[in-house]
Amino acid sequence: MATLRDLSSSTTLAVSGGSASARKLMPIRTMNPADLIQAIEPLFASRVPRSKRAMDLIGSLLALVLLSPLFLVIAIMIKVVSRGPVFFSQERMGHGGKCFNCWKFRTMKVDADTSVHEEYVRRLIKKEASNGGEKPMVKLDSSDDSRIIPFGRLLRISGLDELPQLINVLRGEMSLVGPRPCIAYEAQEYLSWHRQRFDAVPGLTGLWQVSGKNKTTFTEMMRLDIAYEKQKSFWLDVKLLLRTLPAILDQIKGDHSSLRTAELTEHGNAETPEP
């Protein structure tokens, strides 16, 4: 790990831009504070325990083999209901703020407008973080979204769209357990203490995912992600993996109930809940 003495003796640092190809060397004297922080952040990220990496390698390999028939079914389904590629790749920020290409099954139409989501996220973080994150984080696609392909919503709710990230786990860019990898424009809105979540390797599931996920507030999500990094252990990862399936089933059940309530309300037949 580099030390402050090493940094002070250097004349340049690598600064990552929007993509890996955009990385460049900049003289330290000419770098603004934001670029300097982004450049040195990976140097202070905590190391990944060997036991965690071993679990990721074995778990991702087994899952890719066992789930290969499901991969094929989902791929065929996507090709039948929508033109375009089966997979979708998006640049995310991971361990130490390092960028990587995160893979998913495509659940939106080709060339879908992402500026809506970008503005939604910016507004959510700015308002919720400044007010202590008092409101639950309702997903943008929780309502009817014309950008989503048929069956796409089911894939997103169940988390099946994220199965290709097992490849990211195998490559060491992600872990089976950890915070969700954020998009670059999300990180630009983070407060300084939010960036502690980059100390952990991003994961498929994690403490936030099994603790209510979208029922939590933005601030609660950040605290859960940071708490995981401070408490991470082999047995905590095992516990969170075991809690993942029940959490997904609970999320699907809750989403179905919300849709049913919305339909009844729309037709003026909403039932009065029992006390």
C-alpha atoms as a PDB file:
ATOM      1  CA  MET A   1       0.000   0.000   0.000  1.00  0.00           C
ATOM      2  CA  ALA A   2       1.317   3.439  -0.921  1.00  0.00           C
ATOM      3  CA  THR A   3       2.109   5.883   1.865  1.00  0.00           C
ATOM      4  CA  LEU A   4       1.769   9.636   2.075  1.00  0.00           C
ATOM      5  CA  ARG A   5       5.558   9.822   1.729  1.00  0.00           C
ATOM      6  CA  ASP A   6       5.286   7.958  -1.581  1.00  0.00           C
ATOM      7  CA  LEU A   7       2.574  10.312  -2.769  1.00  0.00           C
ATOM      8  CA  SER A   8       4.463  13.423  -1.774  1.00  0.00           C
ATOM      9  CA  SER A   9       7.501  12.262  -3.736  1.00  0.00           C
ATOM     10  CA  SER A  10       5.456  11.618  -6.856  1.00  0.00           C
ATOM     11  CA  THR A  11       4.912  14.257  -9.485  1.00  0.00           C
ATOM     12  CA  THR A  12       1.935  12.673 -11.195  1.00  0.00           C
ATOM     13  CA  LEU A  13      -1.091  10.564 -10.328  1.00  0.00           C
ATOM     14  CA  ALA A  14      -3.430   8.565 -12.543  1.00  0.00           C
ATOM     15  CA  VAL A  15      -6.893  10.078 -12.721  1.00  0.00           C
ATOM     16  CA  SER A  16      -9.775   7.958 -14.036  1.00  0.00           C
ATOM     17  CA  GLY A  17     -12.342   9.601 -16.213  1.00  0.00           C
ATOM     18  CA  GLY A  18     -15.627   8.236 -17.527  1.00  0.00           C
ATOM     19  CA  SER A  19     -13.976   5.035 -18.756  1.00  0.00           C
ATOM     20  CA  ALA A  20     -10.771   3.073 -18.406  1.00  0.00           C
ATOM     21  CA  SER A  21      -9.511   4.504 -21.704  1.00  0.00           C
ATOM     22  CA  ALA A  22      -9.966   8.011 -20.334  1.00  0.00           C
ATOM     23  CA  ARG A  23      -7.440   7.536 -17.514  1.00  0.00           C
ATOM     24  CA  LYS A  24      -4.553   9.970 -17.736  1.00  0.00           C
ATOM     25  CA  LEU A  25      -1.601  11.188 -15.741  1.00  0.00           C
ATOM     26  CA  MET A  26      -1.890  14.633 -14.233  1.00  0.00           C
ATOM     27  CA  PRO A  27       0.704  16.656 -12.307  1.00  0.00           C
ATOM     28  CA  ILE A  28      -0.301  16.814  -8.642  1.00  0.00           C
ATOM     29  CA  ARG A  29       0.239  20.590  -8.554  1.00  0.00           C
ATOM     30  CA  THR A  30      -2.452  21.116 -11.231  1.00  0.00           C
ATOM     31  CA  MET A  31      -5.059  18.735  -9.802  1.00  0.00           C
ATOM     32  CA  ASN A  32      -8.132  20.132  -8.095  1.00  0.00           C
ATOM     33  CA  PRO A  33      -9.100  18.651  -4.687  1.00  0.00           C
ATOM     34  CA  ALA A  34     -11.868  16.460  -6.117  1.00  0.00           C
ATOM     35  CA  ASP A  35      -9.555  14.829  -8.686  1.00  0.00           C
ATOM     36  CA  LEU A  36      -6.818  14.361  -6.073  1.00  0.00           C
ATOM     37  CA  ILE A  37      -9.207  12.596  -3.691  1.00  0.00           C
ATOM     38  CA  GLN A  38     -10.461  10.330  -6.486  1.00  0.00           C
ATOM     39  CA  ALA A  39      -6.892   9.521  -7.514  1.00  0.00           C
ATOM     40  CA  ILE A  40      -5.617   8.542  -4.056  1.00  0.00           C
ATOM     41  CA  GLU A  41      -8.793   6.856  -2.766  1.00  0.00           C
ATOM     42  CA  PRO A  42      -7.940   3.394  -4.182  1.00  0.00           C
ATOM     43  CA  LEU A  43      -4.577   3.511  -2.375  1.00  0.00           C
ATOM     44  CA  PHE A  44      -6.288   3.506   1.024  1.00  0.00           C
ATOM     45  CA  ALA A  45      -9.002   0.912   0.305  1.00  0.00           C
ATOM     46  CA  SER A  46      -8.935  -2.069   2.672  1.00  0.00           C
ATOM     47  CA  ARG A  47      -7.597  -5.339   1.333  1.00  0.00           C
ATOM     48  CA  VAL A  48      -9.948  -8.200   0.485  1.00  0.00           C
ATOM     49  CA  PRO A  49      -9.551 -11.124   2.957  1.00  0.00           C
ATOM     50  CA  ARG A  50      -8.361 -14.355   1.332  1.00  0.00           C
ATOM     51  CA  SER A  51     -11.311 -16.269   2.779  1.00  0.00           C
ATOM     52  CA  LYS A  52     -13.729 -13.841   1.113  1.00  0.00           C
ATOM     53  CA  ARG A  53     -12.002 -14.132  -2.250  1.00  0.00           C
ATOM     54  CA  ALA A  54     -11.972 -17.936  -1.974  1.00  0.00           C
ATOM     55  CA  MET A  55     -15.711 -17.937  -1.227  1.00  0.00           C
ATOM     56  CA  ASP A  56     -16.319 -15.679  -4.227  1.00  0.00           C
ATOM     57  CA  LEU A  57     -14.332 -17.883  -6.610  1.00  0.00           C
ATOM     58  CA  ILE A  58     -15.926 -21.158  -5.510  1.00  0.00           C
ATOM     59  CA  GLY A  59     -19.429 -19.687  -5.162  1.00  0.00           C
ATOM     60  CA  SER A  60     -19.460 -17.901  -8.511  1.00  0.00           C
ATOM     61  CA  LEU A  61     -18.091 -20.923 -10.387  1.00  0.00           C
ATOM     62  CA  LEU A  62     -20.671 -23.274  -8.860  1.00  0.00           C
ATOM     63  CA  ALA A  63     -23.498 -20.802  -9.439  1.00  0.00           C
ATOM     64  CA  LEU A  64     -22.550 -20.234 -13.090  1.00  0.00           C
ATOM     65  CA  VAL A  65     -22.549 -23.989 -13.723  1.00  0.00           C
ATOM     66  CA  LEU A  66     -25.748 -24.769 -11.811  1.00  0.00           C
ATOM     67  CA  LEU A  67     -27.663 -21.763 -13.131  1.00  0.00           C
ATOM     68  CA  SER A  68     -26.601 -22.113 -16.774  1.00  0.00           C
ATOM     69  CA  PRO A  69     -30.010 -23.585 -17.793  1.00  0.00           C
ATOM     70  CA  LEU A  70     -31.738 -20.581 -16.179  1.00  0.00           C
ATOM     71  CA  PHE A  71     -29.359 -18.254 -18.045  1.00  0.00           C
ATOM     72  CA  LEU A  72     -30.445 -19.896 -21.310  1.00  0.00           C
ATOM     73  CA  VAL A  73     -34.165 -19.586 -20.500  1.00  0.00           C
ATOM     74  CA  ILE A  74     -33.858 -15.895 -19.598  1.00  0.00           C
ATOM     75  CA  ALA A  75     -31.767 -15.198 -22.718  1.00  0.00           C
ATOM     76  CA  ILE A  76     -34.360 -16.836 -24.980  1.00  0.00           C
ATOM     77  CA  MET A  77     -37.182 -14.959 -23.264  1.00  0.00           C
ATOM     78  CA  ILE A  78     -35.466 -11.602 -23.773  1.00  0.00           C
ATOM     79  CA  LYS A  79     -34.803 -12.308 -27.464  1.00  0.00           C
ATOM     80  CA  VAL A  80     -38.441 -13.320 -27.999  1.00  0.00           C
ATOM     81  CA  VAL A  81     -40.017 -10.232 -26.406  1.00  0.00           C
ATOM     82  CA  SER A  82     -37.534  -7.566 -27.465  1.00  0.00           C
ATOM     83  CA  ARG A  83     -35.056  -6.841 -30.242  1.00  0.00           C
ATOM     84  CA  GLY A  84     -31.480  -6.195 -29.248  1.00  0.00           C
ATOM     85  CA  PRO A  85     -28.754  -7.857 -27.152  1.00  0.00           C
ATOM     86  CA  VAL A  86     -29.448 -10.177 -24.239  1.00  0.00           C
ATOM     87  CA  PHE A  87     -26.906  -8.537 -21.953  1.00  0.00           C
ATOM     88  CA  PHE A  88     -26.500  -4.942 -20.835  1.00  0.00           C
ATOM     89  CA  SER A  89     -23.190  -3.495 -19.659  1.00  0.00           C
ATOM     90  CA  GLN A  90     -22.876  -0.337 -17.593  1.00  0.00           C
ATOM     91  CA  GLU A  91     -19.855   1.311 -16.000  1.00  0.00           C
ATOM     92  CA  ARG A  92     -20.024   1.215 -12.209  1.00  0.00           C
ATOM     93  CA  MET A  93     -17.732   2.271  -9.368  1.00  0.00           C
ATOM     94  CA  GLY A  94     -16.372  -0.471  -7.158  1.00  0.00           C
ATOM     95  CA  HIS A  95     -13.680  -1.143  -4.568  1.00  0.00           C
ATOM     96  CA  GLY A  96     -11.663   2.005  -3.899  1.00  0.00           C
ATOM     97  CA  GLY A  97     -13.741   3.947  -6.432  1.00  0.00           C
ATOM     98  CA  LYS A  98     -12.316   1.903  -9.324  1.00  0.00           C
ATOM     99  CA  CYS A  99     -14.544   1.764 -12.412  1.00  0.00           C
ATOM    100  CA  PHE A 100     -15.535  -1.506 -14.077  1.00  0.00           C
ATOM    101  CA  ASN A 101     -18.170  -2.793 -16.514  1.00  0.00           C
ATOM    102  CA  CYS A 102     -21.080  -4.327 -14.603  1.00  0.00           C
ATOM    103  CA  TRP A 103     -23.129  -6.926 -16.496  1.00  0.00           C
ATOM    104  CA  LYS A 104     -26.891  -7.531 -16.318  1.00  0.00           C
ATOM    105  CA  PHE A 105     -29.619  -9.163 -18.354  1.00  0.00           C
ATOM    106  CA  ARG A 106     -31.191  -6.400 -20.427  1.00  0.00           C
ATOM    107  CA  THR A 107     -34.617  -5.440 -19.039  1.00  0.00           C
ATOM    108  CA  MET A 108     -35.169  -2.186 -20.938  1.00  0.00           C
ATOM    109  CA  LYS A 109     -35.754  -1.395 -24.580  1.00  0.00           C
ATOM    110  CA  VAL A 110     -32.717  -0.676 -26.719  1.00  0.00           C
ATOM    111  CA  ASP A 111     -31.582   2.968 -26.533  1.00  0.00           C
ATOM    112  CA  ALA A 112     -33.902   3.677 -23.576  1.00  0.00           C
ATOM    113  CA  ASP A 113     -33.502   7.193 -22.213  1.00  0.00           C
ATOM    114  CA  THR A 114     -31.413   7.004 -19.036  1.00  0.00           C
ATOM    115  CA  SER A 115     -31.450  10.744 -18.335  1.00  0.00           C
ATOM    116  CA  VAL A 116     -34.714  10.262 -16.431  1.00  0.00           C
ATOM    117  CA  HIS A 117     -33.019   7.917 -13.988  1.00  0.00           C
ATOM    118  CA  GLU A 118     -29.966  10.155 -13.710  1.00  0.00           C
ATOM    119  CA  GLU A 119     -32.074  13.176 -12.758  1.00  0.00           C
ATOM    120  CA  TYR A 120     -34.142  11.054 -10.360  1.00  0.00           C
ATOM    121  CA  VAL A 121     -31.025   9.793  -8.565  1.00  0.00           C
ATOM    122  CA  ARG A 122     -29.440  13.241  -8.337  1.00  0.00           C
ATOM    123  CA  ARG A 123     -32.629  14.697  -6.876  1.00  0.00           C
ATOM    124  CA  LEU A 124     -33.011  11.787  -4.452  1.00  0.00           C
ATOM    125  CA  ILE A 125     -29.476  12.037  -3.099  1.00  0.00           C
ATOM    126  CA  LYS A 126     -29.420  15.817  -2.826  1.00  0.00           C
ATOM    127  CA  LYS A 127     -32.780  16.100  -1.085  1.00  0.00           C
ATOM    128  CA  GLU A 128     -32.750  12.921   0.985  1.00  0.00           C
ATOM    129  CA  ALA A 129     -29.132  13.170   2.122  1.00  0.00           C
ATOM    130  CA  SER A 130     -29.461  16.825   3.105  1.00  0.00           C
ATOM    131  CA  ASN A 131     -32.614  16.065   5.096  1.00  0.00           C
ATOM    132  CA  GLY A 132     -31.242  12.976   6.799  1.00  0.00           C
ATOM    133  CA  GLY A 133     -32.800  10.586   4.265  1.00  0.00           C
ATOM    134  CA  GLU A 134     -36.231  10.665   5.855  1.00  0.00           C
ATOM    135  CA  LYS A 135     -38.182   9.049   3.003  1.00  0.00           C
ATOM    136  CA  PRO A 136     -37.923   5.440   1.766  1.00  0.00           C
ATOM    137  CA  MET A 137     -36.157   5.031  -1.565  1.00  0.00           C
ATOM    138  CA  VAL A 138     -38.933   4.112  -3.977  1.00  0.00           C
ATOM    139  CA  LYS A 139     -37.461   2.752  -7.203  1.00  0.00           C
ATOM    140  CA  LEU A 140     -38.182   4.745 -10.352  1.00  0.00           C
ATOM    141  CA  ASP A 141     -39.500   1.618 -12.081  1.00  0.00           C
ATOM    142  CA  SER A 142     -41.878   0.755  -9.222  1.00  0.00           C
ATOM    143  CA  SER A 143     -44.646   2.275 -11.318  1.00  0.00           C
ATOM    144  CA  ASP A 144     -45.523   1.520 -14.930  1.00  0.00           C
ATOM    145  CA  ASP A 145     -42.413   2.311 -16.984  1.00  0.00           C
ATOM    146  CA  SER A 146     -42.758   2.136 -20.756  1.00  0.00           C
ATOM    147  CA  ARG A 147     -38.991   1.656 -21.128  1.00  0.00           C
ATOM    148  CA  ILE A 148     -39.112  -1.809 -19.536  1.00  0.00           C
ATOM    149  CA  ILE A 149     -39.569  -4.823 -21.813  1.00  0.00           C
ATOM    150  CA  PRO A 150     -42.232  -7.509 -21.151  1.00  0.00           C
ATOM    151  CA  PHE A 151     -41.177  -9.703 -18.202  1.00  0.00           C
ATOM    152  CA  GLY A 152     -38.419  -7.173 -17.508  1.00  0.00           C
ATOM    153  CA  ARG A 153     -40.043  -5.977 -14.326  1.00  0.00           C
ATOM    154  CA  LEU A 154     -40.224  -9.527 -12.978  1.00  0.00           C
ATOM    155  CA  LEU A 155     -36.524 -10.000 -13.680  1.00  0.00           C
ATOM    156  CA  ARG A 156     -35.696  -6.774 -11.831  1.00  0.00           C
ATOM    157  CA  ILE A 157     -37.881  -7.462  -8.789  1.00  0.00           C
ATOM    158  CA  SER A 158     -36.560 -10.998  -8.401  1.00  0.00           C
ATOM    159  CA  GLY A 159     -32.953  -9.933  -8.959  1.00  0.00           C
ATOM    160  CA  LEU A 160     -32.570 -12.432 -11.809  1.00  0.00           C
ATOM    161  CA  ASP A 161     -31.387  -9.625 -14.076  1.00  0.00           C
ATOM    162  CA  GLU A 162     -28.248  -9.362 -11.926  1.00  0.00           C
ATOM    163  CA  LEU A 163     -27.147 -13.001 -12.317  1.00  0.00           C
ATOM    164  CA  PRO A 164     -24.570 -12.137 -15.049  1.00  0.00           C
ATOM    165  CA  GLN A 165     -22.690 -10.248 -12.338  1.00  0.00           C
ATOM    166  CA  LEU A 166     -21.430 -13.659 -11.238  1.00  0.00           C
ATOM    167  CA  ILE A 167     -18.898 -13.076 -14.033  1.00  0.00           C
ATOM    168  CA  ASN A 168     -17.877  -9.823 -12.324  1.00  0.00           C
ATOM    169  CA  VAL A 169     -17.463 -11.796  -9.094  1.00  0.00           C
ATOM    170  CA  LEU A 170     -15.297 -14.367 -10.852  1.00  0.00           C
ATOM    171  CA  ARG A 171     -13.127 -11.561 -12.262  1.00  0.00           C
ATOM    172  CA  GLY A 172     -12.667 -10.031  -8.806  1.00  0.00           C
ATOM    173  CA  GLU A 173     -14.527  -6.817  -9.657  1.00  0.00           C
ATOM    174  CA  MET A 174     -17.404  -7.755  -7.355  1.00  0.00           C
ATOM    175  CA  SER A 175     -18.093 -10.094  -4.450  1.00  0.00           C
ATOM    176  CA  LEU A 176     -21.019 -12.344  -3.594  1.00  0.00           C
ATOM    177  CA  VAL A 177     -21.663 -10.073  -0.587  1.00  0.00           C
ATOM    178  CA  GLY A 178     -21.168  -6.313  -0.413  1.00  0.00           C
ATOM    179  CA  PRO A 179     -22.785  -2.942  -1.208  1.00  0.00           C
ATOM    180  CA  ARG A 180     -24.374  -2.523  -4.605  1.00  0.00           C
ATOM    181  CA  PRO A 181     -21.981  -0.881  -7.117  1.00  0.00           C
ATOM    182  CA  CYS A 182     -23.065   2.683  -7.841  1.00  0.00           C
ATOM    183  CA  ILE A 183     -23.097   4.583 -11.137  1.00  0.00           C
ATOM    184  CA  ALA A 184     -20.536   7.357 -11.594  1.00  0.00           C
ATOM    185  CA  TYR A 185     -23.124  10.144 -11.566  1.00  0.00           C
ATOM    186  CA  GLU A 186     -24.428   8.837  -8.245  1.00  0.00           C
ATOM    187  CA  ALA A 187     -20.974   9.025  -6.665  1.00  0.00           C
ATOM    188  CA  GLN A 188     -20.609  12.638  -7.802  1.00  0.00           C
ATOM    189  CA  GLU A 189     -23.440  13.556  -5.444  1.00  0.00           C
ATOM    190  CA  TYR A 190     -22.050  11.689  -2.423  1.00  0.00           C
ATOM    191  CA  LEU A 191     -21.124  13.522   0.744  1.00  0.00           C
ATOM    192  CA  SER A 192     -17.622  12.861   2.062  1.00  0.00           C
ATOM    193  CA  TRP A 193     -18.731  10.223   4.595  1.00  0.00           C
ATOM    194  CA  HIS A 194     -20.724   8.358   1.930  1.00  0.00           C
ATOM    195  CA  ARG A 195     -17.483   7.464   0.158  1.00  0.00           C
ATOM    196  CA  GLN A 196     -16.593   5.058   2.965  1.00  0.00           C
ATOM    197  CA  ARG A 197     -18.770   2.498   1.167  1.00  0.00           C
ATOM    198  CA  PHE A 198     -16.011   2.227  -1.456  1.00  0.00           C
ATOM    199  CA  ASP A 199     -13.848   0.534   1.188  1.00  0.00           C
ATOM    200  CA  ALA A 200     -15.900  -2.609   0.549  1.00  0.00           C
ATOM    201  CA  VAL A 201     -15.991  -4.678  -2.633  1.00  0.00           C
ATOM    202  CA  PRO A 202     -19.445  -4.291  -4.240  1.00  0.00           C
ATOM    203  CA  GLY A 203     -21.624  -7.386  -4.119  1.00  0.00           C
ATOM    204  CA  LEU A 204     -24.649  -9.211  -5.462  1.00  0.00           C
ATOM    205  CA  THR A 205     -26.301  -9.159  -2.056  1.00  0.00           C
ATOM    206  CA  GLY A 206     -25.495  -7.516   1.246  1.00  0.00           C
ATOM    207  CA  LEU A 207     -26.637  -6.102   4.562  1.00  0.00           C
ATOM    208  CA  TRP A 208     -28.763  -3.384   2.941  1.00  0.00           C
ATOM    209  CA  GLN A 209     -30.357  -5.820   0.485  1.00  0.00           C
ATOM    210  CA  VAL A 210     -31.618  -8.108   3.275  1.00  0.00           C
ATOM    211  CA  SER A 211     -32.601  -5.251   5.615  1.00  0.00           C
ATOM    212  CA  GLY A 212     -35.522  -3.843   3.702  1.00  0.00           C
ATOM    213  CA  LYS A 213     -33.747  -2.522   0.603  1.00  0.00           C
ATOM    214  CA  ASN A 214     -36.149   0.004  -0.984  1.00  0.00           C
ATOM    215  CA  LYS A 215     -38.098   0.307   2.263  1.00  0.00           C
ATOM    216  CA  THR A 216     -35.058   1.989   3.777  1.00  0.00           C
ATOM    217  CA  THR A 217     -33.959   5.592   3.354  1.00  0.00           C
ATOM    218  CA  PHE A 218     -30.871   6.722   1.461  1.00  0.00           C
ATOM    219  CA  THR A 219     -29.037   7.537   4.695  1.00  0.00           C
ATOM    220  CA  GLU A 220     -29.956   4.136   6.177  1.00  0.00           C
ATOM    221  CA  MET A 221     -28.587   2.426   3.066  1.00  0.00           C
ATOM    222  CA  MET A 222     -25.292   4.262   3.408  1.00  0.00           C
ATOM    223  CA  ARG A 223     -25.007   3.411   7.099  1.00  0.00           C
ATOM    224  CA  LEU A 224     -25.767  -0.260   6.449  1.00  0.00           C
ATOM    225  CA  ASP A 225     -23.162  -0.430   3.669  1.00  0.00           C
ATOM    226  CA  ILE A 226     -20.515   1.180   5.864  1.00  0.00           C
ATOM    227  CA  ALA A 227     -21.495  -0.982   8.855  1.00  0.00           C
ATOM    228  CA  TYR A 228     -20.976  -4.085   6.708  1.00  0.00           C
ATOM    229  CA  GLU A 229     -17.462  -2.989   5.776  1.00  0.00           C
ATOM    230  CA  LYS A 230     -16.544  -2.410   9.429  1.00  0.00           C
ATOM    231  CA  GLN A 231     -17.989  -5.765  10.575  1.00  0.00           C
ATOM    232  CA  LYS A 232     -17.338  -7.989   7.551  1.00  0.00           C
ATOM    233  CA  SER A 233     -16.318 -11.572   8.214  1.00  0.00           C
ATOM    234  CA  PHE A 234     -16.634 -14.985   6.618  1.00  0.00           C
ATOM    235  CA  TRP A 235     -19.577 -15.979   8.830  1.00  0.00           C
ATOM    236  CA  LEU A 236     -21.370 -12.667   8.314  1.00  0.00           C
ATOM    237  CA  ASP A 237     -21.185 -13.274   4.554  1.00  0.00           C
ATOM    238  CA  VAL A 238     -22.616 -16.789   5.023  1.00  0.00           C
ATOM    239  CA  LYS A 239     -25.444 -15.399   7.147  1.00  0.00           C
ATOM    240  CA  LEU A 240     -26.299 -12.702   4.590  1.00  0.00           C
ATOM    241  CA  LEU A 241     -26.261 -15.205   1.724  1.00  0.00           C
ATOM    242  CA  LEU A 242     -28.722 -17.415   3.618  1.00  0.00           C
ATOM    243  CA  ARG A 243     -31.002 -14.431   4.247  1.00  0.00           C
ATOM    244  CA  THR A 244     -31.018 -13.353   0.585  1.00  0.00           C
ATOM    245  CA  LEU A 245     -33.655 -15.706  -0.831  1.00  0.00           C
ATOM    246  CA  PRO A 246     -36.232 -14.978   1.932  1.00  0.00           C
ATOM    247  CA  ALA A 247     -35.584 -11.252   1.401  1.00  0.00           C
ATOM    248  CA  ILE A 248     -36.195 -11.584  -2.357  1.00  0.00           C
ATOM    249  CA  LEU A 249     -39.422 -13.532  -1.809  1.00  0.00           C
ATOM    250  CA  ASP A 250     -40.589 -10.888   0.670  1.00  0.00           C
ATOM    251  CA  GLN A 251     -39.795  -8.172  -1.857  1.00  0.00           C
ATOM    252  CA  ILE A 252     -41.762  -9.940  -4.606  1.00  0.00           C
ATOM    253  CA  LYS A 253     -44.697 -10.421  -2.252  1.00  0.00           C
ATOM    254  CA  GLY A 254     -44.618  -6.771  -1.190  1.00  0.00           C
ATOM    255  CA  ASP A 255     -44.381  -5.560  -4.772  1.00  0.00           C
ATOM    256  CA  HIS A 256     -47.347  -7.712  -5.796  1.00  0.00           C
ATOM    257  CA  SER A 257     -49.397  -6.332  -2.903  1.00  0.00           C
ATOM    258  CA  SER A 258     -48.506  -2.757  -3.884  1.00  0.00           C
ATOM    259  CA  LEU A 259     -49.574  -3.370  -7.478  1.00  0.00           C
ATOM    260  CA  ARG A 260     -52.856  -4.927  -6.326  1.00  0.00           C
ATOM    261  CA  THR A 261     -53.581  -1.968  -4.027  1.00  0.00           C
ATOM    262  CA  ALA A 262     -52.833   0.485  -6.848  1.00  0.00           C
ATOM    263  CA  GLU A 263     -55.201  -1.353  -9.191  1.00  0.00           C
ATOM    264  CA  LEU A 264     -58.016  -1.372  -6.636  1.00  0.00           C
ATOM    265  CA  THR A 265     -57.508   2.302  -5.854  1.00  0.00           C
ATOM    266  CA  GLU A 266     -57.548   3.189  -9.546  1.00  0.00           C
ATOM    267  CA  HIS A 267     -60.945   1.474  -9.944  1.00  0.00           C
ATOM    268  CA  GLY A 268     -62.328   2.938  -6.733  1.00  0.00           C
ATOM    269  CA  ASN A 269     -62.440  -0.414  -4.948  1.00  0.00           C
ATOM    270  CA  ALA A 270     -59.635  -0.057  -2.466  1.00  0.00           C
ATOM    271  CA  GLU A 271     -60.228  -2.200   0.588  1.00  0.00           C
ATOM    272  CA  THR A 272     -59.975  -0.805   4.065  1.00  0.00           C
ATOM    273  CA  PRO A 273     -57.110  -2.586   5.846  1.00  0.00           C
ATOM    274  CA  GLU A 274     -58.012  -4.445   8.998  1.00  0.00           C
ATOM    275  CA  PRO A 275     -56.695  -2.976  12.264  1.00  0.00           C
END
